[in-house]
Amino acid sequence: MKQIIFGIRFTGLALTILPAIFVFAGLMPFQTHKLLMTIGCILWFVPVLFPRAKANES
């Protein structure tokens, strides 16, 4: 389970960092950048809640 959450969080981090680099290099339009950054933020922060919620149940 931890590996799955790590994979999801790593994907979210990549979607937060890479679009900024692509826009800076002129390889991606800004509208796509905003969409990918939003998805990346959700994928980065939401999985953090799952281990904490399980820890509070115990």
C-alpha atoms as a PDB file:
ATOM      1  CA  MET A   1       0.000   0.000   0.000  1.00  0.00           C
ATOM      2  CA  LYS A   2       2.844   2.397   0.813  1.00  0.00           C
ATOM      3  CA  GLN A   3       4.411   1.811  -2.596  1.00  0.00           C
ATOM      4  CA  ILE A   4       1.141   2.674  -4.342  1.00  0.00           C
ATOM      5  CA  ILE A   5       0.764   5.886  -2.354  1.00  0.00           C
ATOM      6  CA  PHE A   6       4.420   6.740  -3.034  1.00  0.00           C
ATOM      7  CA  GLY A   7       3.851   6.219  -6.775  1.00  0.00           C
ATOM      8  CA  ILE A   8       0.780   8.438  -6.769  1.00  0.00           C
ATOM      9  CA  ARG A   9       2.603  11.153  -4.832  1.00  0.00           C
ATOM     10  CA  PHE A  10       5.652  10.968  -7.111  1.00  0.00           C
ATOM     11  CA  THR A  11       3.405  11.320 -10.162  1.00  0.00           C
ATOM     12  CA  GLY A  12       1.757  14.341  -8.560  1.00  0.00           C
ATOM     13  CA  LEU A  13       5.139  15.885  -7.823  1.00  0.00           C
ATOM     14  CA  ALA A  14       6.242  15.332 -11.414  1.00  0.00           C
ATOM     15  CA  LEU A  15       3.019  16.938 -12.668  1.00  0.00           C
ATOM     16  CA  THR A  16       3.753  19.907 -10.446  1.00  0.00           C
ATOM     17  CA  ILE A  17       7.360  20.436 -11.547  1.00  0.00           C
ATOM     18  CA  LEU A  18       7.548  19.391 -15.207  1.00  0.00           C
ATOM     19  CA  PRO A  19       4.784  21.638 -16.641  1.00  0.00           C
ATOM     20  CA  ALA A  20       6.521  24.724 -15.236  1.00  0.00           C
ATOM     21  CA  ILE A  21       9.728  23.717 -17.006  1.00  0.00           C
ATOM     22  CA  PHE A  22       7.861  23.004 -20.253  1.00  0.00           C
ATOM     23  CA  VAL A  23       6.087  26.377 -20.204  1.00  0.00           C
ATOM     24  CA  PHE A  24       9.375  28.144 -19.498  1.00  0.00           C
ATOM     25  CA  ALA A  25      10.947  26.354 -22.477  1.00  0.00           C
ATOM     26  CA  GLY A  26       7.952  27.227 -24.678  1.00  0.00           C
ATOM     27  CA  LEU A  27       6.936  23.600 -25.200  1.00  0.00           C
ATOM     28  CA  MET A  28       3.506  23.777 -23.531  1.00  0.00           C
ATOM     29  CA  PRO A  29       0.652  26.307 -23.602  1.00  0.00           C
ATOM     30  CA  PHE A  30      -0.205  28.002 -20.325  1.00  0.00           C
ATOM     31  CA  GLN A  31      -3.760  26.585 -20.243  1.00  0.00           C
ATOM     32  CA  THR A  32      -2.422  23.015 -20.265  1.00  0.00           C
ATOM     33  CA  HIS A  33       0.089  24.044 -17.611  1.00  0.00           C
ATOM     34  CA  LYS A  34      -2.686  25.162 -15.259  1.00  0.00           C
ATOM     35  CA  LEU A  35      -4.624  21.933 -15.746  1.00  0.00           C
ATOM     36  CA  LEU A  36      -1.607  19.689 -15.128  1.00  0.00           C
ATOM     37  CA  MET A  37      -0.521  21.726 -12.100  1.00  0.00           C
ATOM     38  CA  THR A  38      -3.998  21.375 -10.570  1.00  0.00           C
ATOM     39  CA  ILE A  39      -4.021  17.622 -11.137  1.00  0.00           C
ATOM     40  CA  GLY A  40      -0.480  17.388  -9.765  1.00  0.00           C
ATOM     41  CA  CYS A  41      -1.383  19.302  -6.603  1.00  0.00           C
ATOM     42  CA  ILE A  42      -4.341  17.007  -5.967  1.00  0.00           C
ATOM     43  CA  LEU A  43      -2.230  13.878  -6.564  1.00  0.00           C
ATOM     44  CA  TRP A  44       0.535  15.226  -4.332  1.00  0.00           C
ATOM     45  CA  PHE A  45      -1.542  16.307  -1.322  1.00  0.00           C
ATOM     46  CA  VAL A  46      -4.577  13.978  -1.176  1.00  0.00           C
ATOM     47  CA  PRO A  47      -2.676  10.678  -0.606  1.00  0.00           C
ATOM     48  CA  VAL A  48      -1.054  12.225   2.472  1.00  0.00           C
ATOM     49  CA  LEU A  49      -4.420  12.040   4.219  1.00  0.00           C
ATOM     50  CA  PHE A  50      -4.806   8.254   3.929  1.00  0.00           C
ATOM     51  CA  PRO A  51      -1.945   7.085   6.189  1.00  0.00           C
ATOM     52  CA  ARG A  52      -2.804   9.765   8.732  1.00  0.00           C
ATOM     53  CA  ALA A  53      -6.455   8.744   8.798  1.00  0.00           C
ATOM     54  CA  LYS A  54      -5.481   5.096   9.410  1.00  0.00           C
ATOM     55  CA  ALA A  55      -3.090   6.132  12.173  1.00  0.00           C
ATOM     56  CA  ASN A  56      -5.889   8.058  13.916  1.00  0.00           C
ATOM     57  CA  GLU A  57      -8.208   5.016  13.788  1.00  0.00           C
ATOM     58  CA  SER A  58      -5.744   2.784  15.677  1.00  0.00           C
END
